[in-house]
Amino acid sequence: MCNAHVNTISGSSKLIKGSGRAIILLPKDTKFVIDDALYSTKSQRNLLSFKDIRLNGYHIETMHKKNIEYLYITKVECGNKYVLEMLLTFSSGLYYTHISAIELHVTTNKKFVEPHTFTIWMTG
């Protein structure tokens, strides 16, 4: 996995430093659990896929409000649809929001010589 190239919004990175479970929290307390998140020291942004949104039981739709486009993250419960988050859009067409890390992870590299060497990383 260390030699894999990953293309992100901030460019191509050839180093994946770790992978595993990530738990993120959006501004209105919508929580996502992502079991196969990748961590790269070169990435300046986090990407949340439609697959991750659906696996967490949420739906998405685009809406216009006062001539501004938003991506709504919604949930349907007992036949009622609730808008949980409204994400703004960049001029590039990507949607964005701020996230908070609610869980820390420790990743290790088996190539380290010292057994106590590790990296702590947070999603967010």
PDB file of N, CA and C in Angstrom:
ATOM      1  N   MET A   1       0.812  -1.194   0.000  1.00  0.00           N
ATOM      2  CA  MET A   1       0.000   0.000   0.000  1.00  0.00           C
ATOM      3  C   MET A   1       0.858   1.261   0.000  1.00  0.00           C
ATOM      4  N   CYS A   2       2.070   1.232   0.509  1.00  0.00           N
ATOM      5  CA  CYS A   2       2.906   2.428   0.591  1.00  0.00           C
ATOM      6  C   CYS A   2       3.308   2.969  -0.777  1.00  0.00           C
ATOM      7  N   ASN A   3       3.307   2.151  -1.816  1.00  0.00           N
ATOM      8  CA  ASN A   3       3.689   2.604  -3.141  1.00  0.00           C
ATOM      9  C   ASN A   3       2.501   3.041  -3.993  1.00  0.00           C
ATOM     10  N   ALA A   4       1.294   2.977  -3.458  1.00  0.00           N
ATOM     11  CA  ALA A   4       0.099   3.322  -4.231  1.00  0.00           C
ATOM     12  C   ALA A   4       0.024   4.823  -4.458  1.00  0.00           C
ATOM     13  N   HIS A   5      -0.427   5.219  -5.657  1.00  0.00           N
ATOM     14  CA  HIS A   5      -0.673   6.627  -5.973  1.00  0.00           C
ATOM     15  C   HIS A   5      -2.142   6.917  -5.755  1.00  0.00           C
ATOM     16  N   VAL A   6      -2.437   8.010  -5.087  1.00  0.00           N
ATOM     17  CA  VAL A   6      -3.814   8.415  -4.829  1.00  0.00           C
ATOM     18  C   VAL A   6      -3.988   9.825  -5.352  1.00  0.00           C
ATOM     19  N   ASN A   7      -5.002  10.052  -6.183  1.00  0.00           N
ATOM     20  CA  ASN A   7      -5.305  11.388  -6.685  1.00  0.00           C
ATOM     21  C   ASN A   7      -6.376  12.009  -5.806  1.00  0.00           C
ATOM     22  N   THR A   8      -6.080  13.194  -5.275  1.00  0.00           N
ATOM     23  CA  THR A   8      -7.031  13.912  -4.436  1.00  0.00           C
ATOM     24  C   THR A   8      -7.216  15.309  -4.982  1.00  0.00           C
ATOM     25  N   ILE A   9      -8.035  16.086  -4.319  1.00  0.00           N
ATOM     26  CA  ILE A   9      -8.286  17.457  -4.743  1.00  0.00           C
ATOM     27  C   ILE A   9      -7.011  18.298  -4.697  1.00  0.00           C
ATOM     28  N   SER A  10      -6.075  17.926  -3.839  1.00  0.00           N
ATOM     29  CA  SER A  10      -4.842  18.700  -3.714  1.00  0.00           C
ATOM     30  C   SER A  10      -3.684  18.124  -4.523  1.00  0.00           C
ATOM     31  N   GLY A  11      -3.960  17.146  -5.380  1.00  0.00           N
ATOM     32  CA  GLY A  11      -2.915  16.602  -6.229  1.00  0.00           C
ATOM     33  C   GLY A  11      -2.686  15.124  -5.988  1.00  0.00           C
ATOM     34  N   SER A  12      -1.641  14.604  -6.601  1.00  0.00           N
ATOM     35  CA  SER A  12      -1.326  13.191  -6.498  1.00  0.00           C
ATOM     36  C   SER A  12      -0.352  12.952  -5.348  1.00  0.00           C
ATOM     37  N   SER A  13      -0.589  11.903  -4.627  1.00  0.00           N
ATOM     38  CA  SER A  13       0.291  11.526  -3.533  1.00  0.00           C
ATOM     39  C   SER A  13       0.662  10.064  -3.707  1.00  0.00           C
ATOM     40  N   LYS A  14       1.944   9.753  -3.527  1.00  0.00           N
ATOM     41  CA  LYS A  14       2.339   8.359  -3.697  1.00  0.00           C
ATOM     42  C   LYS A  14       2.478   7.617  -2.375  1.00  0.00           C
ATOM     43  N   LEU A  15       2.226   8.304  -1.270  1.00  0.00           N
ATOM     44  CA  LEU A  15       2.377   7.650   0.021  1.00  0.00           C
ATOM     45  C   LEU A  15       1.061   7.614   0.789  1.00  0.00           C
ATOM     46  N   ILE A  16       0.621   6.429   1.108  1.00  0.00           N
ATOM     47  CA  ILE A  16      -0.499   6.244   2.025  1.00  0.00           C
ATOM     48  C   ILE A  16       0.138   5.842   3.349  1.00  0.00           C
ATOM     49  N   LYS A  17      -0.078   6.641   4.369  1.00  0.00           N
ATOM     50  CA  LYS A  17       0.579   6.377   5.652  1.00  0.00           C
ATOM     51  C   LYS A  17      -0.210   5.423   6.532  1.00  0.00           C
ATOM     52  N   GLY A  18      -1.488   5.286   6.261  1.00  0.00           N
ATOM     53  CA  GLY A  18      -2.288   4.391   7.092  1.00  0.00           C
ATOM     54  C   GLY A  18      -3.691   4.262   6.553  1.00  0.00           C
ATOM     55  N   SER A  19      -4.394   3.310   7.082  1.00  0.00           N
ATOM     56  CA  SER A  19      -5.786   3.127   6.714  1.00  0.00           C
ATOM     57  C   SER A  19      -6.505   2.521   7.906  1.00  0.00           C
ATOM     58  N   GLY A  20      -7.813   2.645   7.887  1.00  0.00           N
ATOM     59  CA  GLY A  20      -8.590   2.071   8.976  1.00  0.00           C
ATOM     60  C   GLY A  20      -9.864   2.846   9.199  1.00  0.00           C
ATOM     61  N   ARG A  21     -10.418   2.681  10.354  1.00  0.00           N
ATOM     62  CA  ARG A  21     -11.706   3.277  10.699  1.00  0.00           C
ATOM     63  C   ARG A  21     -11.538   4.749  11.067  1.00  0.00           C
ATOM     64  N   ALA A  22     -12.428   5.573  10.519  1.00  0.00           N
ATOM     65  CA  ALA A  22     -12.457   7.000  10.840  1.00  0.00           C
ATOM     66  C   ALA A  22     -13.888   7.357  11.229  1.00  0.00           C
ATOM     67  N   ILE A  23     -14.025   8.171  12.239  1.00  0.00           N
ATOM     68  CA  ILE A  23     -15.334   8.678  12.648  1.00  0.00           C
ATOM     69  C   ILE A  23     -15.264  10.194  12.579  1.00  0.00           C
ATOM     70  N   ILE A  24     -16.149  10.792  11.779  1.00  0.00           N
ATOM     71  CA  ILE A  24     -16.148  12.246  11.628  1.00  0.00           C
ATOM     72  C   ILE A  24     -17.518  12.802  12.009  1.00  0.00           C
ATOM     73  N   LEU A  25     -17.517  14.062  12.403  1.00  0.00           N
ATOM     74  CA  LEU A  25     -18.723  14.737  12.836  1.00  0.00           C
ATOM     75  C   LEU A  25     -18.869  16.024  12.043  1.00  0.00           C
ATOM     76  N   LEU A  26     -20.004  16.190  11.363  1.00  0.00           N
ATOM     77  CA  LEU A  26     -20.276  17.407  10.601  1.00  0.00           C
ATOM     78  C   LEU A  26     -20.842  18.482  11.527  1.00  0.00           C
ATOM     79  N   PRO A  27     -20.929  19.746  11.061  1.00  0.00           N
ATOM     80  CA  PRO A  27     -21.313  20.857  11.941  1.00  0.00           C
ATOM     81  C   PRO A  27     -22.628  20.690  12.699  1.00  0.00           C
ATOM     82  N   LYS A  28     -23.606  20.015  12.124  1.00  0.00           N
ATOM     83  CA  LYS A  28     -24.891  19.852  12.814  1.00  0.00           C
ATOM     84  C   LYS A  28     -25.008  18.477  13.458  1.00  0.00           C
ATOM     85  N   ASP A  29     -23.873  17.923  13.855  1.00  0.00           N
ATOM     86  CA  ASP A  29     -23.787  16.657  14.597  1.00  0.00           C
ATOM     87  C   ASP A  29     -24.143  15.406  13.804  1.00  0.00           C
ATOM     88  N   THR A  30     -24.051  15.452  12.485  1.00  0.00           N
ATOM     89  CA  THR A  30     -24.232  14.253  11.676  1.00  0.00           C
ATOM     90  C   THR A  30     -22.931  13.465  11.735  1.00  0.00           C
ATOM     91  N   LYS A  31     -23.025  12.213  12.166  1.00  0.00           N
ATOM     92  CA  LYS A  31     -21.834  11.387  12.375  1.00  0.00           C
ATOM     93  C   LYS A  31     -21.698  10.363  11.258  1.00  0.00           C
ATOM     94  N   PHE A  32     -20.460  10.212  10.756  1.00  0.00           N
ATOM     95  CA  PHE A  32     -20.125   9.221   9.749  1.00  0.00           C
ATOM     96  C   PHE A  32     -19.064   8.285  10.300  1.00  0.00           C
ATOM     97  N   VAL A  33     -19.258   6.996  10.074  1.00  0.00           N
ATOM     98  CA  VAL A  33     -18.252   5.998  10.403  1.00  0.00           C
ATOM     99  C   VAL A  33     -17.776   5.424   9.070  1.00  0.00           C
ATOM    100  N   ILE A  34     -16.483   5.532   8.809  1.00  0.00           N
ATOM    101  CA  ILE A  34     -15.901   5.038   7.565  1.00  0.00           C
ATOM    102  C   ILE A  34     -14.861   3.988   7.935  1.00  0.00           C
ATOM    103  N   ASP A  35     -15.144   2.749   7.589  1.00  0.00           N
ATOM    104  CA  ASP A  35     -14.272   1.645   7.994  1.00  0.00           C
ATOM    105  C   ASP A  35     -13.001   1.534   7.179  1.00  0.00           C
ATOM    106  N   ASP A  36     -12.998   2.032   5.943  1.00  0.00           N
ATOM    107  CA  ASP A  36     -11.830   1.856   5.079  1.00  0.00           C
ATOM    108  C   ASP A  36     -11.228   3.200   4.655  1.00  0.00           C
ATOM    109  N   ALA A  37     -11.122   4.132   5.592  1.00  0.00           N
ATOM    110  CA  ALA A  37     -10.551   5.446   5.296  1.00  0.00           C
ATOM    111  C   ALA A  37      -9.047   5.326   5.054  1.00  0.00           C
ATOM    112  N   LEU A  38      -8.530   6.142   4.128  1.00  0.00           N
ATOM    113  CA  LEU A  38      -7.093   6.184   3.851  1.00  0.00           C
ATOM    114  C   LEU A  38      -6.516   7.465   4.425  1.00  0.00           C
ATOM    115  N   TYR A  39      -5.308   7.412   4.924  1.00  0.00           N
ATOM    116  CA  TYR A  39      -4.633   8.584   5.473  1.00  0.00           C
ATOM    117  C   TYR A  39      -3.378   8.859   4.661  1.00  0.00           C
ATOM    118  N   SER A  40      -3.258  10.106   4.203  1.00  0.00           N
ATOM    119  CA  SER A  40      -2.084  10.538   3.456  1.00  0.00           C
ATOM    120  C   SER A  40      -1.610  11.867   4.028  1.00  0.00           C
ATOM    121  N   THR A  41      -0.325  11.964   4.317  1.00  0.00           N
ATOM    122  CA  THR A  41       0.222  13.207   4.859  1.00  0.00           C
ATOM    123  C   THR A  41       0.194  14.330   3.837  1.00  0.00           C
ATOM    124  N   LYS A  42       0.101  14.000   2.553  1.00  0.00           N
ATOM    125  CA  LYS A  42       0.137  15.005   1.493  1.00  0.00           C
ATOM    126  C   LYS A  42      -1.234  15.629   1.207  1.00  0.00           C
ATOM    127  N   SER A  43      -2.297  15.018   1.662  1.00  0.00           N
ATOM    128  CA  SER A  43      -3.637  15.518   1.369  1.00  0.00           C
ATOM    129  C   SER A  43      -3.987  16.682   2.291  1.00  0.00           C
ATOM    130  N   GLN A  44      -4.466  17.759   1.709  1.00  0.00           N
ATOM    131  CA  GLN A  44      -4.862  18.935   2.481  1.00  0.00           C
ATOM    132  C   GLN A  44      -6.358  18.945   2.775  1.00  0.00           C
ATOM    133  N   ARG A  45      -7.111  18.046   2.163  1.00  0.00           N
ATOM    134  CA  ARG A  45      -8.557  17.995   2.342  1.00  0.00           C
ATOM    135  C   ARG A  45      -9.002  16.546   2.505  1.00  0.00           C
ATOM    136  N   ASN A  46     -10.194  16.386   3.029  1.00  0.00           N
ATOM    137  CA  ASN A  46     -10.802  15.068   3.154  1.00  0.00           C
ATOM    138  C   ASN A  46     -11.929  14.953   2.144  1.00  0.00           C
ATOM    139  N   LEU A  47     -12.065  13.792   1.548  1.00  0.00           N
ATOM    140  CA  LEU A  47     -13.155  13.542   0.609  1.00  0.00           C
ATOM    141  C   LEU A  47     -14.109  12.529   1.216  1.00  0.00           C
ATOM    142  N   LEU A  48     -15.389  12.821   1.106  1.00  0.00           N
ATOM    143  CA  LEU A  48     -16.429  11.921   1.592  1.00  0.00           C
ATOM    144  C   LEU A  48     -17.213  11.445   0.377  1.00  0.00           C
ATOM    145  N   SER A  49     -17.239  10.160   0.147  1.00  0.00           N
ATOM    146  CA  SER A  49     -17.876   9.627  -1.055  1.00  0.00           C
ATOM    147  C   SER A  49     -19.374   9.409  -0.847  1.00  0.00           C
ATOM    148  N   PHE A  50     -20.096   9.338  -1.961  1.00  0.00           N
ATOM    149  CA  PHE A  50     -21.518   9.026  -1.904  1.00  0.00           C
ATOM    150  C   PHE A  50     -21.718   7.661  -1.243  1.00  0.00           C
ATOM    151  N   LYS A  51     -20.812   6.745  -1.534  1.00  0.00           N
ATOM    152  CA  LYS A  51     -20.884   5.407  -0.942  1.00  0.00           C
ATOM    153  C   LYS A  51     -20.843   5.494   0.583  1.00  0.00           C
ATOM    154  N   ASP A  52     -19.928   6.308   1.127  1.00  0.00           N
ATOM    155  CA  ASP A  52     -19.824   6.456   2.577  1.00  0.00           C
ATOM    156  C   ASP A  52     -21.098   7.077   3.159  1.00  0.00           C
ATOM    157  N   ILE A  53     -21.662   8.023   2.439  1.00  0.00           N
ATOM    158  CA  ILE A  53     -22.903   8.660   2.899  1.00  0.00           C
ATOM    159  C   ILE A  53     -24.020   7.624   2.967  1.00  0.00           C
ATOM    160  N   ARG A  54     -24.178   6.836   1.900  1.00  0.00           N
ATOM    161  CA  ARG A  54     -25.240   5.817   1.857  1.00  0.00           C
ATOM    162  C   ARG A  54     -25.018   4.704   2.878  1.00  0.00           C
ATOM    163  N   LEU A  55     -23.761   4.272   3.063  1.00  0.00           N
ATOM    164  CA  LEU A  55     -23.487   3.216   4.038  1.00  0.00           C
ATOM    165  C   LEU A  55     -23.817   3.636   5.464  1.00  0.00           C
ATOM    166  N   ASN A  56     -23.867   4.945   5.712  1.00  0.00           N
ATOM    167  CA  ASN A  56     -24.218   5.455   7.035  1.00  0.00           C
ATOM    168  C   ASN A  56     -25.712   5.733   7.165  1.00  0.00           C
ATOM    169  N   GLY A  57     -26.486   5.365   6.162  1.00  0.00           N
ATOM    170  CA  GLY A  57     -27.935   5.484   6.247  1.00  0.00           C
ATOM    171  C   GLY A  57     -28.501   6.831   5.839  1.00  0.00           C
ATOM    172  N   TYR A  58     -27.693   7.646   5.163  1.00  0.00           N
ATOM    173  CA  TYR A  58     -28.139   8.976   4.757  1.00  0.00           C
ATOM    174  C   TYR A  58     -28.362   9.016   3.249  1.00  0.00           C
ATOM    175  N   HIS A  59     -29.070  10.057   2.805  1.00  0.00           N
ATOM    176  CA  HIS A  59     -29.319  10.294   1.386  1.00  0.00           C
ATOM    177  C   HIS A  59     -28.786  11.683   1.051  1.00  0.00           C
ATOM    178  N   ILE A  60     -28.609  11.958  -0.239  1.00  0.00           N
ATOM    179  CA  ILE A  60     -28.163  13.287  -0.660  1.00  0.00           C
ATOM    180  C   ILE A  60     -29.039  13.794  -1.784  1.00  0.00           C
ATOM    181  N   GLU A  61     -29.151  15.104  -1.869  1.00  0.00           N
ATOM    182  CA  GLU A  61     -29.839  15.755  -2.981  1.00  0.00           C
ATOM    183  C   GLU A  61     -29.339  17.187  -3.077  1.00  0.00           C
ATOM    184  N   THR A  62     -29.404  17.735  -4.276  1.00  0.00           N
ATOM    185  CA  THR A  62     -29.014  19.137  -4.458  1.00  0.00           C
ATOM    186  C   THR A  62     -30.267  20.001  -4.444  1.00  0.00           C
ATOM    187  N   MET A  63     -30.126  21.177  -3.871  1.00  0.00           N
ATOM    188  CA  MET A  63     -31.245  22.123  -3.792  1.00  0.00           C
ATOM    189  C   MET A  63     -30.694  23.534  -3.986  1.00  0.00           C
ATOM    190  N   HIS A  64     -31.542  24.414  -4.477  1.00  0.00           N
ATOM    191  CA  HIS A  64     -31.200  25.830  -4.597  1.00  0.00           C
ATOM    192  C   HIS A  64     -32.015  26.610  -3.582  1.00  0.00           C
ATOM    193  N   LYS A  65     -31.339  27.468  -2.855  1.00  0.00           N
ATOM    194  CA  LYS A  65     -31.999  28.309  -1.860  1.00  0.00           C
ATOM    195  C   LYS A  65     -31.456  29.716  -2.043  1.00  0.00           C
ATOM    196  N   LYS A  66     -32.306  30.655  -2.430  1.00  0.00           N
ATOM    197  CA  LYS A  66     -31.892  32.039  -2.688  1.00  0.00           C
ATOM    198  C   LYS A  66     -30.740  32.094  -3.688  1.00  0.00           C
ATOM    199  N   ASN A  67     -30.865  31.350  -4.783  1.00  0.00           N
ATOM    200  CA  ASN A  67     -29.871  31.308  -5.865  1.00  0.00           C
ATOM    201  C   ASN A  67     -28.522  30.705  -5.470  1.00  0.00           C
ATOM    202  N   ILE A  68     -28.463  29.995  -4.368  1.00  0.00           N
ATOM    203  CA  ILE A  68     -27.237  29.325  -3.934  1.00  0.00           C
ATOM    204  C   ILE A  68     -27.508  27.821  -3.933  1.00  0.00           C
ATOM    205  N   GLU A  69     -26.589  27.067  -4.543  1.00  0.00           N
ATOM    206  CA  GLU A  69     -26.749  25.614  -4.590  1.00  0.00           C
ATOM    207  C   GLU A  69     -26.158  24.975  -3.340  1.00  0.00           C
ATOM    208  N   TYR A  70     -26.879  24.022  -2.794  1.00  0.00           N
ATOM    209  CA  TYR A  70     -26.450  23.273  -1.617  1.00  0.00           C
ATOM    210  C   TYR A  70     -26.569  21.782  -1.900  1.00  0.00           C
ATOM    211  N   LEU A  71     -25.772  21.010  -1.216  1.00  0.00           N
ATOM    212  CA  LEU A  71     -25.946  19.568  -1.182  1.00  0.00           C
ATOM    213  C   LEU A  71     -26.558  19.266   0.179  1.00  0.00           C
ATOM    214  N   TYR A  72     -27.755  18.710   0.159  1.00  0.00           N
ATOM    215  CA  TYR A  72     -28.427  18.352   1.402  1.00  0.00           C
ATOM    216  C   TYR A  72     -28.090  16.911   1.756  1.00  0.00           C
ATOM    217  N   ILE A  73     -27.750  16.671   3.006  1.00  0.00           N
ATOM    218  CA  ILE A  73     -27.637  15.322   3.532  1.00  0.00           C
ATOM    219  C   ILE A  73     -28.909  15.107   4.341  1.00  0.00           C
ATOM    220  N   THR A  74     -29.665  14.083   3.936  1.00  0.00           N
ATOM    221  CA  THR A  74     -30.973  13.865   4.542  1.00  0.00           C
ATOM    222  C   THR A  74     -31.075  12.473   5.140  1.00  0.00           C
ATOM    223  N   LYS A  75     -32.075  12.300   5.965  1.00  0.00           N
ATOM    224  CA  LYS A  75     -32.392  10.994   6.545  1.00  0.00           C
ATOM    225  C   LYS A  75     -33.903  10.850   6.524  1.00  0.00           C
ATOM    226  N   VAL A  76     -34.365   9.655   6.180  1.00  0.00           N
ATOM    227  CA  VAL A  76     -35.797   9.373   6.179  1.00  0.00           C
ATOM    228  C   VAL A  76     -36.091   8.460   7.366  1.00  0.00           C
ATOM    229  N   GLU A  77     -37.000   8.927   8.221  1.00  0.00           N
ATOM    230  CA  GLU A  77     -37.425   8.140   9.380  1.00  0.00           C
ATOM    231  C   GLU A  77     -38.942   8.159   9.450  1.00  0.00           C
ATOM    232  N   CYS A  78     -39.539   7.007   9.553  1.00  0.00           N
ATOM    233  CA  CYS A  78     -41.001   6.861   9.647  1.00  0.00           C
ATOM    234  C   CYS A  78     -41.714   7.613   8.529  1.00  0.00           C
ATOM    235  N   GLY A  79     -41.146   7.574   7.329  1.00  0.00           N
ATOM    236  CA  GLY A  79     -41.762   8.218   6.180  1.00  0.00           C
ATOM    237  C   GLY A  79     -41.543   9.717   6.080  1.00  0.00           C
ATOM    238  N   ASN A  80     -40.834  10.312   7.028  1.00  0.00           N
ATOM    239  CA  ASN A  80     -40.541  11.751   7.009  1.00  0.00           C
ATOM    240  C   ASN A  80     -39.080  11.982   6.665  1.00  0.00           C
ATOM    241  N   LYS A  81     -38.837  12.949   5.754  1.00  0.00           N
ATOM    242  CA  LYS A  81     -37.469  13.285   5.370  1.00  0.00           C
ATOM    243  C   LYS A  81     -36.995  14.484   6.180  1.00  0.00           C
ATOM    244  N   TYR A  82     -35.798  14.363   6.748  1.00  0.00           N
ATOM    245  CA  TYR A  82     -35.199  15.432   7.540  1.00  0.00           C
ATOM    246  C   TYR A  82     -33.892  15.871   6.890  1.00  0.00           C
ATOM    247  N   VAL A  83     -33.682  17.176   6.757  1.00  0.00           N
ATOM    248  CA  VAL A  83     -32.416  17.708   6.255  1.00  0.00           C
ATOM    249  C   VAL A  83     -31.480  17.832   7.450  1.00  0.00           C
ATOM    250  N   LEU A  84     -30.397  17.077   7.412  1.00  0.00           N
ATOM    251  CA  LEU A  84     -29.433  17.069   8.522  1.00  0.00           C
ATOM    252  C   LEU A  84     -28.319  18.091   8.319  1.00  0.00           C
ATOM    253  N   GLU A  85     -27.844  18.228   7.088  1.00  0.00           N
ATOM    254  CA  GLU A  85     -26.737  19.130   6.779  1.00  0.00           C
ATOM    255  C   GLU A  85     -26.988  19.810   5.443  1.00  0.00           C
ATOM    256  N   MET A  86     -26.522  21.043   5.310  1.00  0.00           N
ATOM    257  CA  MET A  86     -26.556  21.778   4.045  1.00  0.00           C
ATOM    258  C   MET A  86     -25.129  22.156   3.705  1.00  0.00           C
ATOM    259  N   LEU A  87     -24.543  21.515   2.687  1.00  0.00           N
ATOM    260  CA  LEU A  87     -23.158  21.773   2.308  1.00  0.00           C
ATOM    261  C   LEU A  87     -23.116  22.775   1.162  1.00  0.00           C
ATOM    262  N   LEU A  88     -22.274  23.772   1.291  1.00  0.00           N
ATOM    263  CA  LEU A  88     -22.095  24.780   0.246  1.00  0.00           C
ATOM    264  C   LEU A  88     -21.270  24.221  -0.899  1.00  0.00           C
ATOM    265  N   THR A  89     -21.252  24.934  -2.023  1.00  0.00           N
ATOM    266  CA  THR A  89     -20.491  24.477  -3.184  1.00  0.00           C
ATOM    267  C   THR A  89     -19.404  25.483  -3.553  1.00  0.00           C
ATOM    268  N   PHE A  90     -18.250  24.967  -3.997  1.00  0.00           N
ATOM    269  CA  PHE A  90     -17.209  25.793  -4.593  1.00  0.00           C
ATOM    270  C   PHE A  90     -17.598  26.081  -6.037  1.00  0.00           C
ATOM    271  N   SER A  91     -16.950  27.033  -6.655  1.00  0.00           N
ATOM    272  CA  SER A  91     -17.198  27.320  -8.068  1.00  0.00           C
ATOM    273  C   SER A  91     -16.810  26.125  -8.942  1.00  0.00           C
ATOM    274  N   SER A  92     -15.938  25.252  -8.441  1.00  0.00           N
ATOM    275  CA  SER A  92     -15.523  24.060  -9.184  1.00  0.00           C
ATOM    276  C   SER A  92     -16.614  22.990  -9.219  1.00  0.00           C
ATOM    277  N   GLY A  93     -17.638  23.143  -8.394  1.00  0.00           N
ATOM    278  CA  GLY A  93     -18.706  22.153  -8.339  1.00  0.00           C
ATOM    279  C   GLY A  93     -18.583  21.182  -7.182  1.00  0.00           C
ATOM    280  N   LEU A  94     -17.474  21.217  -6.452  1.00  0.00           N
ATOM    281  CA  LEU A  94     -17.321  20.364  -5.270  1.00  0.00           C
ATOM    282  C   LEU A  94     -18.052  21.001  -4.091  1.00  0.00           C
ATOM    283  N   TYR A  95     -18.623  20.174  -3.249  1.00  0.00           N
ATOM    284  CA  TYR A  95     -19.303  20.662  -2.051  1.00  0.00           C
ATOM    285  C   TYR A  95     -18.334  20.591  -0.882  1.00  0.00           C
ATOM    286  N   TYR A  96     -18.531  21.475   0.090  1.00  0.00           N
ATOM    287  CA  TYR A  96     -17.608  21.490   1.217  1.00  0.00           C
ATOM    288  C   TYR A  96     -18.316  21.784   2.526  1.00  0.00           C
ATOM    289  N   THR A  97     -17.678  21.376   3.592  1.00  0.00           N
ATOM    290  CA  THR A  97     -18.114  21.669   4.947  1.00  0.00           C
ATOM    291  C   THR A  97     -16.905  21.514   5.854  1.00  0.00           C
ATOM    292  N   HIS A  98     -17.075  21.807   7.096  1.00  0.00           N
ATOM    293  CA  HIS A  98     -16.014  21.610   8.086  1.00  0.00           C
ATOM    294  C   HIS A  98     -16.375  20.389   8.913  1.00  0.00           C
ATOM    295  N   ILE A  99     -15.377  19.590   9.232  1.00  0.00           N
ATOM    296  CA  ILE A  99     -15.621  18.393  10.025  1.00  0.00           C
ATOM    297  C   ILE A  99     -14.788  18.442  11.289  1.00  0.00           C
ATOM    298  N   SER A 100     -15.235  17.690  12.268  1.00  0.00           N
ATOM    299  CA  SER A 100     -14.509  17.565  13.522  1.00  0.00           C
ATOM    300  C   SER A 100     -14.105  16.117  13.710  1.00  0.00           C
ATOM    301  N   ALA A 101     -12.927  15.919  14.220  1.00  0.00           N
ATOM    302  CA  ALA A 101     -12.477  14.562  14.536  1.00  0.00           C
ATOM    303  C   ALA A 101     -13.026  14.196  15.898  1.00  0.00           C
ATOM    304  N   ILE A 102     -13.579  12.997  16.005  1.00  0.00           N
ATOM    305  CA  ILE A 102     -14.076  12.569  17.309  1.00  0.00           C
ATOM    306  C   ILE A 102     -13.415  11.282  17.774  1.00  0.00           C
ATOM    307  N   GLU A 103     -12.444  10.823  17.002  1.00  0.00           N
ATOM    308  CA  GLU A 103     -11.732   9.617  17.388  1.00  0.00           C
ATOM    309  C   GLU A 103     -10.304   9.701  16.873  1.00  0.00           C
ATOM    310  N   LEU A 104      -9.333   9.388  17.702  1.00  0.00           N
ATOM    311  CA  LEU A 104      -7.932   9.359  17.293  1.00  0.00           C
ATOM    312  C   LEU A 104      -7.556   7.955  16.864  1.00  0.00           C
ATOM    313  N   HIS A 105      -6.584   7.873  15.972  1.00  0.00           N
ATOM    314  CA  HIS A 105      -6.087   6.584  15.511  1.00  0.00           C
ATOM    315  C   HIS A 105      -4.568   6.571  15.599  1.00  0.00           C
ATOM    316  N   VAL A 106      -4.031   5.441  15.817  1.00  0.00           N
ATOM    317  CA  VAL A 106      -2.585   5.259  15.794  1.00  0.00           C
ATOM    318  C   VAL A 106      -2.274   4.330  14.636  1.00  0.00           C
ATOM    319  N   THR A 107      -1.341   4.750  13.789  1.00  0.00           N
ATOM    320  CA  THR A 107      -0.913   3.874  12.691  1.00  0.00           C
ATOM    321  C   THR A 107       0.553   3.559  12.891  1.00  0.00           C
ATOM    322  N   THR A 108       0.908   2.379  12.531  1.00  0.00           N
ATOM    323  CA  THR A 108       2.312   1.993  12.635  1.00  0.00           C
ATOM    324  C   THR A 108       2.775   1.446  11.304  1.00  0.00           C
ATOM    325  N   ASN A 109       4.043   1.541  11.099  1.00  0.00           N
ATOM    326  CA  ASN A 109       4.656   1.015   9.893  1.00  0.00           C
ATOM    327  C   ASN A 109       5.568  -0.125  10.318  1.00  0.00           C
ATOM    328  N   LYS A 110       5.382  -1.294   9.750  1.00  0.00           N
ATOM    329  CA  LYS A 110       6.167  -2.469  10.142  1.00  0.00           C
ATOM    330  C   LYS A 110       7.647  -2.312   9.827  1.00  0.00           C
ATOM    331  N   LYS A 111       8.003  -1.337   8.979  1.00  0.00           N
ATOM    332  CA  LYS A 111       9.400  -1.156   8.605  1.00  0.00           C
ATOM    333  C   LYS A 111      10.193  -0.371   9.661  1.00  0.00           C
ATOM    334  N   PHE A 112       9.487   0.226  10.642  1.00  0.00           N
ATOM    335  CA  PHE A 112      10.206   0.983  11.664  1.00  0.00           C
ATOM    336  C   PHE A 112      11.125   0.055  12.459  1.00  0.00           C
ATOM    337  N   VAL A 113      12.295   0.545  12.740  1.00  0.00           N
ATOM    338  CA  VAL A 113      13.249  -0.248  13.514  1.00  0.00           C
ATOM    339  C   VAL A 113      12.894  -0.205  14.991  1.00  0.00           C
ATOM    340  N   GLU A 114      12.501   0.978  15.466  1.00  0.00           N
ATOM    341  CA  GLU A 114      12.168   1.129  16.872  1.00  0.00           C
ATOM    342  C   GLU A 114      10.707   0.745  17.106  1.00  0.00           C
ATOM    343  N   PRO A 115      10.427  -0.164  18.024  1.00  0.00           N
ATOM    344  CA  PRO A 115       9.050  -0.628  18.228  1.00  0.00           C
ATOM    345  C   PRO A 115       8.123   0.438  18.819  1.00  0.00           C
ATOM    346  N   HIS A 116       8.680   1.513  19.387  1.00  0.00           N
ATOM    347  CA  HIS A 116       7.840   2.527  20.021  1.00  0.00           C
ATOM    348  C   HIS A 116       7.580   3.731  19.118  1.00  0.00           C
ATOM    349  N   THR A 117       7.983   3.666  17.865  1.00  0.00           N
ATOM    350  CA  THR A 117       7.767   4.748  16.913  1.00  0.00           C
ATOM    351  C   THR A 117       6.399   4.579  16.278  1.00  0.00           C
ATOM    352  N   PHE A 118       5.569   5.637  16.303  1.00  0.00           N
ATOM    353  CA  PHE A 118       4.256   5.579  15.691  1.00  0.00           C
ATOM    354  C   PHE A 118       3.804   6.972  15.340  1.00  0.00           C
ATOM    355  N   THR A 119       2.732   7.041  14.556  1.00  0.00           N
ATOM    356  CA  THR A 119       2.145   8.315  14.160  1.00  0.00           C
ATOM    357  C   THR A 119       0.699   8.362  14.629  1.00  0.00           C
ATOM    358  N   ILE A 120       0.333   9.462  15.260  1.00  0.00           N
ATOM    359  CA  ILE A 120      -1.063   9.664  15.635  1.00  0.00           C
ATOM    360  C   ILE A 120      -1.692  10.567  14.593  1.00  0.00           C
ATOM    361  N   TRP A 121      -2.872  10.197  14.082  1.00  0.00           N
ATOM    362  CA  TRP A 121      -3.540  11.033  13.098  1.00  0.00           C
ATOM    363  C   TRP A 121      -5.014  11.139  13.420  1.00  0.00           C
ATOM    364  N   MET A 122      -5.580  12.244  12.983  1.00  0.00           N
ATOM    365  CA  MET A 122      -7.001  12.478  13.188  1.00  0.00           C
ATOM    366  C   MET A 122      -7.636  12.747  11.839  1.00  0.00           C
ATOM    367  N   THR A 123      -8.876  12.345  11.664  1.00  0.00           N
ATOM    368  CA  THR A 123      -9.608  12.757  10.479  1.00  0.00           C
ATOM    369  C   THR A 123     -10.089  14.165  10.733  1.00  0.00           C
ATOM    370  N   GLY A 124     -10.028  14.958   9.723  1.00  0.00           N
ATOM    371  CA  GLY A 124     -10.542  16.308   9.908  1.00  0.00           C
ATOM    372  C   GLY A 124      -9.631  17.366   9.443  1.00  0.00           C
TER     373      GLY A 124
END
